[in-house]
Amino acid sequence: MATSPNTKPVATAAAAASATAQAELKLCLDGTPMPDPMPTSVTLTESYGFYDDEGGGNFWSATQVVTDPADVLILVERKAPISYQLPASEPAA
């Protein structure tokens, strides 16, 4: 039986799909999955801060509302003490 050069064995295709799914899964620094969709803003429930690898400080005050996407990502990744509401999903058509 001849096979097309474009045909992949099922096991290889499944492994590739699994690897792609794992690569797309974003994780927090502690290995837990990040929320999907990502919140557009977060509110700090306690003061939070850390020094990065270059020695720069990153600090936020309790009750501060953070809307900068890069800062939101950092706070979620680091499991900072935050509260948030995910954007409402659009109703099904």
N, C-alpha and C. Protein backbone atom coordinates (compact mmCIF):
# COMPACT_ATOMS: atom_id res chain seq x y z
N MET A 1 0.85 -1.17 0.00
CA MET A 1 0.00 0.00 0.00
C MET A 1 0.89 1.23 0.00
N ALA A 2 0.69 2.12 -0.96
CA ALA A 2 1.48 3.34 -1.06
C ALA A 2 0.85 4.43 -0.20
N THR A 3 1.72 5.27 0.38
CA THR A 3 1.21 6.39 1.16
C THR A 3 1.72 7.69 0.55
N SER A 4 0.97 8.71 0.71
CA SER A 4 1.34 10.03 0.22
C SER A 4 2.44 10.60 1.11
N PRO A 5 3.38 11.35 0.54
CA PRO A 5 4.42 11.95 1.38
C PRO A 5 3.84 12.96 2.37
N ASN A 6 2.62 13.43 2.15
CA ASN A 6 1.99 14.39 3.05
C ASN A 6 1.20 13.73 4.18
N THR A 7 1.14 12.41 4.17
CA THR A 7 0.37 11.69 5.19
C THR A 7 1.26 11.41 6.38
N LYS A 8 0.76 11.76 7.57
CA LYS A 8 1.50 11.48 8.80
C LYS A 8 0.81 10.34 9.53
N PRO A 9 1.58 9.47 10.15
CA PRO A 9 0.95 8.43 10.97
C PRO A 9 0.11 9.08 12.06
N VAL A 10 -0.95 8.41 12.47
CA VAL A 10 -1.87 8.97 13.47
C VAL A 10 -1.14 9.29 14.77
N ALA A 11 -0.27 8.42 15.23
CA ALA A 11 0.44 8.65 16.48
C ALA A 11 1.28 9.91 16.40
N THR A 12 1.94 10.15 15.28
CA THR A 12 2.77 11.33 15.12
C THR A 12 1.91 12.59 15.11
N ALA A 13 0.78 12.54 14.41
CA ALA A 13 -0.12 13.69 14.36
C ALA A 13 -0.68 13.99 15.75
N ALA A 14 -1.04 12.95 16.50
CA ALA A 14 -1.57 13.15 17.84
C ALA A 14 -0.51 13.74 18.76
N ALA A 15 0.72 13.25 18.65
CA ALA A 15 1.81 13.78 19.47
C ALA A 15 2.07 15.24 19.14
N ALA A 16 2.03 15.59 17.85
CA ALA A 16 2.24 16.98 17.44
C ALA A 16 1.13 17.87 17.97
N ALA A 17 -0.11 17.41 17.92
CA ALA A 17 -1.24 18.19 18.42
C ALA A 17 -1.12 18.39 19.93
N SER A 18 -0.70 17.34 20.64
CA SER A 18 -0.53 17.44 22.08
C SER A 18 0.57 18.44 22.43
N ALA A 19 1.68 18.39 21.70
CA ALA A 19 2.79 19.31 21.94
C ALA A 19 2.35 20.75 21.67
N THR A 20 1.56 20.96 20.62
CA THR A 20 1.08 22.29 20.30
C THR A 20 0.16 22.79 21.40
N ALA A 21 -0.73 21.95 21.88
CA ALA A 21 -1.65 22.35 22.95
C ALA A 21 -0.90 22.71 24.22
N GLN A 22 0.14 21.94 24.55
CA GLN A 22 0.93 22.24 25.73
C GLN A 22 1.71 23.53 25.56
N ALA A 23 2.20 23.80 24.36
CA ALA A 23 2.95 25.03 24.11
C ALA A 23 2.04 26.24 24.22
N GLU A 24 0.76 26.09 23.85
CA GLU A 24 -0.18 27.20 23.90
C GLU A 24 -0.71 27.44 25.31
N LEU A 25 -0.63 26.46 26.20
CA LEU A 25 -1.10 26.60 27.57
C LEU A 25 -0.14 27.50 28.33
N LYS A 26 -0.63 28.62 28.82
CA LYS A 26 0.21 29.55 29.56
C LYS A 26 0.10 29.22 31.04
N LEU A 27 1.24 29.20 31.71
CA LEU A 27 1.28 28.83 33.11
C LEU A 27 1.79 29.97 33.96
N CYS A 28 1.30 30.02 35.20
CA CYS A 28 1.83 30.95 36.19
C CYS A 28 3.21 30.45 36.61
N LEU A 29 3.92 31.27 37.34
CA LEU A 29 5.27 30.88 37.76
C LEU A 29 5.27 29.63 38.63
N ASP A 30 4.15 29.36 39.33
CA ASP A 30 4.10 28.16 40.16
C ASP A 30 3.59 26.94 39.40
N GLY A 31 3.36 27.08 38.07
CA GLY A 31 2.97 25.95 37.24
C GLY A 31 1.47 25.77 37.08
N THR A 32 0.66 26.59 37.74
CA THR A 32 -0.79 26.48 37.58
C THR A 32 -1.22 27.22 36.31
N PRO A 33 -2.31 26.79 35.68
CA PRO A 33 -2.76 27.45 34.44
C PRO A 33 -3.20 28.89 34.69
N MET A 34 -2.92 29.75 33.73
CA MET A 34 -3.35 31.14 33.81
C MET A 34 -4.81 31.22 33.38
N PRO A 35 -5.53 32.25 33.87
CA PRO A 35 -6.93 32.37 33.48
C PRO A 35 -7.07 32.61 31.98
N ASP A 36 -8.14 32.09 31.42
CA ASP A 36 -8.39 32.30 30.00
C ASP A 36 -9.87 32.62 29.85
N PRO A 37 -10.25 33.79 29.44
CA PRO A 37 -9.39 34.86 28.95
C PRO A 37 -8.71 35.60 30.08
N MET A 38 -7.64 36.29 29.76
CA MET A 38 -6.88 37.07 30.74
C MET A 38 -7.70 38.29 31.15
N PRO A 39 -7.73 38.63 32.44
CA PRO A 39 -8.46 39.82 32.85
C PRO A 39 -7.85 41.08 32.24
N THR A 40 -8.67 42.09 32.00
CA THR A 40 -8.18 43.34 31.43
C THR A 40 -7.75 44.31 32.51
N SER A 41 -8.19 44.09 33.74
CA SER A 41 -7.75 44.90 34.87
C SER A 41 -7.82 44.05 36.13
N VAL A 42 -6.99 44.40 37.10
CA VAL A 42 -6.98 43.71 38.39
C VAL A 42 -6.90 44.77 39.49
N THR A 43 -7.38 44.40 40.67
CA THR A 43 -7.30 45.26 41.84
C THR A 43 -6.49 44.54 42.89
N LEU A 44 -5.47 45.18 43.42
CA LEU A 44 -4.64 44.58 44.46
C LEU A 44 -5.42 44.54 45.77
N THR A 45 -5.48 43.40 46.41
CA THR A 45 -6.17 43.27 47.69
C THR A 45 -5.22 43.55 48.85
N GLU A 46 -3.91 43.52 48.58
CA GLU A 46 -2.86 43.84 49.55
C GLU A 46 -1.74 44.51 48.78
N SER A 47 -0.88 45.23 49.48
CA SER A 47 0.31 45.77 48.81
C SER A 47 1.16 44.61 48.32
N TYR A 48 1.81 44.79 47.16
CA TYR A 48 2.61 43.71 46.58
C TYR A 48 3.77 44.32 45.83
N GLY A 49 4.91 43.66 45.88
CA GLY A 49 6.07 44.12 45.13
C GLY A 49 7.16 43.07 45.11
N PHE A 50 8.12 43.30 44.22
CA PHE A 50 9.27 42.41 44.10
C PHE A 50 10.37 43.14 43.36
N TYR A 51 11.59 42.65 43.50
CA TYR A 51 12.73 43.16 42.74
C TYR A 51 12.99 42.20 41.60
N ASP A 52 13.15 42.73 40.39
CA ASP A 52 13.42 41.87 39.24
C ASP A 52 14.89 41.50 39.19
N ASP A 53 15.28 40.72 38.19
CA ASP A 53 16.65 40.22 38.07
C ASP A 53 17.67 41.33 37.90
N GLU A 54 17.26 42.48 37.38
CA GLU A 54 18.17 43.60 37.19
C GLU A 54 18.23 44.51 38.41
N GLY A 55 17.48 44.18 39.46
CA GLY A 55 17.48 44.96 40.69
C GLY A 55 16.44 46.08 40.71
N GLY A 56 15.63 46.16 39.66
CA GLY A 56 14.58 47.17 39.64
C GLY A 56 13.39 46.73 40.48
N GLY A 57 12.78 47.68 41.14
CA GLY A 57 11.64 47.37 41.99
C GLY A 57 10.33 47.53 41.24
N ASN A 58 9.41 46.65 41.52
CA ASN A 58 8.06 46.68 40.98
C ASN A 58 7.12 46.60 42.17
N PHE A 59 6.35 47.68 42.42
CA PHE A 59 5.51 47.73 43.61
C PHE A 59 4.14 48.30 43.28
N TRP A 60 3.12 47.75 43.93
CA TRP A 60 1.74 48.20 43.78
C TRP A 60 1.13 48.33 45.16
N SER A 61 0.26 49.31 45.35
CA SER A 61 -0.41 49.55 46.63
C SER A 61 -1.70 48.76 46.74
N ALA A 62 -2.11 48.48 47.97
CA ALA A 62 -3.40 47.84 48.20
C ALA A 62 -4.50 48.72 47.62
N THR A 63 -5.48 48.12 47.02
CA THR A 63 -6.64 48.74 46.37
C THR A 63 -6.31 49.41 45.04
N GLN A 64 -5.05 49.35 44.60
CA GLN A 64 -4.67 49.95 43.31
C GLN A 64 -5.29 49.14 42.17
N VAL A 65 -5.88 49.83 41.21
CA VAL A 65 -6.44 49.19 40.02
C VAL A 65 -5.38 49.24 38.93
N VAL A 66 -5.01 48.09 38.39
CA VAL A 66 -3.97 47.99 37.38
C VAL A 66 -4.63 47.61 36.05
N THR A 67 -4.39 48.42 35.02
CA THR A 67 -4.99 48.16 33.70
C THR A 67 -3.95 47.94 32.61
N ASP A 68 -2.69 48.24 32.87
CA ASP A 68 -1.64 48.02 31.88
C ASP A 68 -1.52 46.51 31.63
N PRO A 69 -1.70 46.06 30.38
CA PRO A 69 -1.67 44.61 30.10
C PRO A 69 -0.39 43.91 30.57
N ALA A 70 0.76 44.57 30.45
CA ALA A 70 2.02 43.95 30.88
C ALA A 70 2.04 43.76 32.39
N ASP A 71 1.56 44.77 33.13
CA ASP A 71 1.52 44.66 34.59
C ASP A 71 0.48 43.63 35.04
N VAL A 72 -0.67 43.58 34.37
CA VAL A 72 -1.68 42.58 34.69
C VAL A 72 -1.09 41.18 34.52
N LEU A 73 -0.38 40.97 33.42
CA LEU A 73 0.24 39.67 33.17
C LEU A 73 1.24 39.32 34.27
N ILE A 74 2.08 40.27 34.65
CA ILE A 74 3.07 40.03 35.72
C ILE A 74 2.36 39.64 37.02
N LEU A 75 1.34 40.39 37.38
CA LEU A 75 0.65 40.13 38.65
C LEU A 75 -0.04 38.76 38.65
N VAL A 76 -0.65 38.40 37.52
CA VAL A 76 -1.30 37.09 37.44
C VAL A 76 -0.26 35.98 37.47
N GLU A 77 0.82 36.13 36.69
CA GLU A 77 1.88 35.11 36.67
C GLU A 77 2.47 34.86 38.05
N ARG A 78 2.61 35.92 38.81
CA ARG A 78 3.25 35.82 40.13
C ARG A 78 2.27 35.51 41.25
N LYS A 79 1.00 35.30 40.90
CA LYS A 79 -0.02 34.99 41.90
C LYS A 79 -0.08 36.06 42.98
N ALA A 80 -0.02 37.32 42.56
CA ALA A 80 -0.12 38.45 43.48
C ALA A 80 -1.51 38.45 44.12
N PRO A 81 -1.67 39.10 45.26
CA PRO A 81 -2.98 39.16 45.91
C PRO A 81 -3.90 40.12 45.15
N ILE A 82 -4.63 39.59 44.19
CA ILE A 82 -5.47 40.42 43.32
C ILE A 82 -6.89 39.89 43.27
N SER A 83 -7.79 40.75 42.86
CA SER A 83 -9.15 40.33 42.53
C SER A 83 -9.44 40.88 41.15
N TYR A 84 -10.29 40.18 40.41
CA TYR A 84 -10.63 40.62 39.06
C TYR A 84 -11.91 39.96 38.61
N GLN A 85 -12.49 40.54 37.57
CA GLN A 85 -13.64 39.94 36.92
C GLN A 85 -13.24 39.73 35.47
N LEU A 86 -13.51 38.54 34.96
CA LEU A 86 -13.23 38.27 33.56
C LEU A 86 -14.24 39.00 32.70
N PRO A 87 -13.84 39.41 31.50
CA PRO A 87 -14.80 40.07 30.61
C PRO A 87 -15.98 39.17 30.32
N ALA A 88 -17.15 39.77 30.22
CA ALA A 88 -18.35 38.99 29.91
C ALA A 88 -18.22 38.39 28.53
N SER A 89 -18.57 37.12 28.40
CA SER A 89 -18.51 36.49 27.09
C SER A 89 -19.71 36.95 26.27
N GLU A 90 -19.54 36.97 24.97
CA GLU A 90 -20.62 37.40 24.09
C GLU A 90 -21.67 36.31 24.01
N PRO A 91 -22.94 36.70 23.97
CA PRO A 91 -23.99 35.68 23.88
C PRO A 91 -23.92 34.91 22.57
N ALA A 92 -24.32 33.66 22.63
CA ALA A 92 -24.31 32.83 21.42
C ALA A 92 -25.33 33.36 20.43
N ALA A 93 -24.98 33.29 19.16
CA ALA A 93 -25.88 33.80 18.12
C ALA A 93 -27.03 32.87 17.87
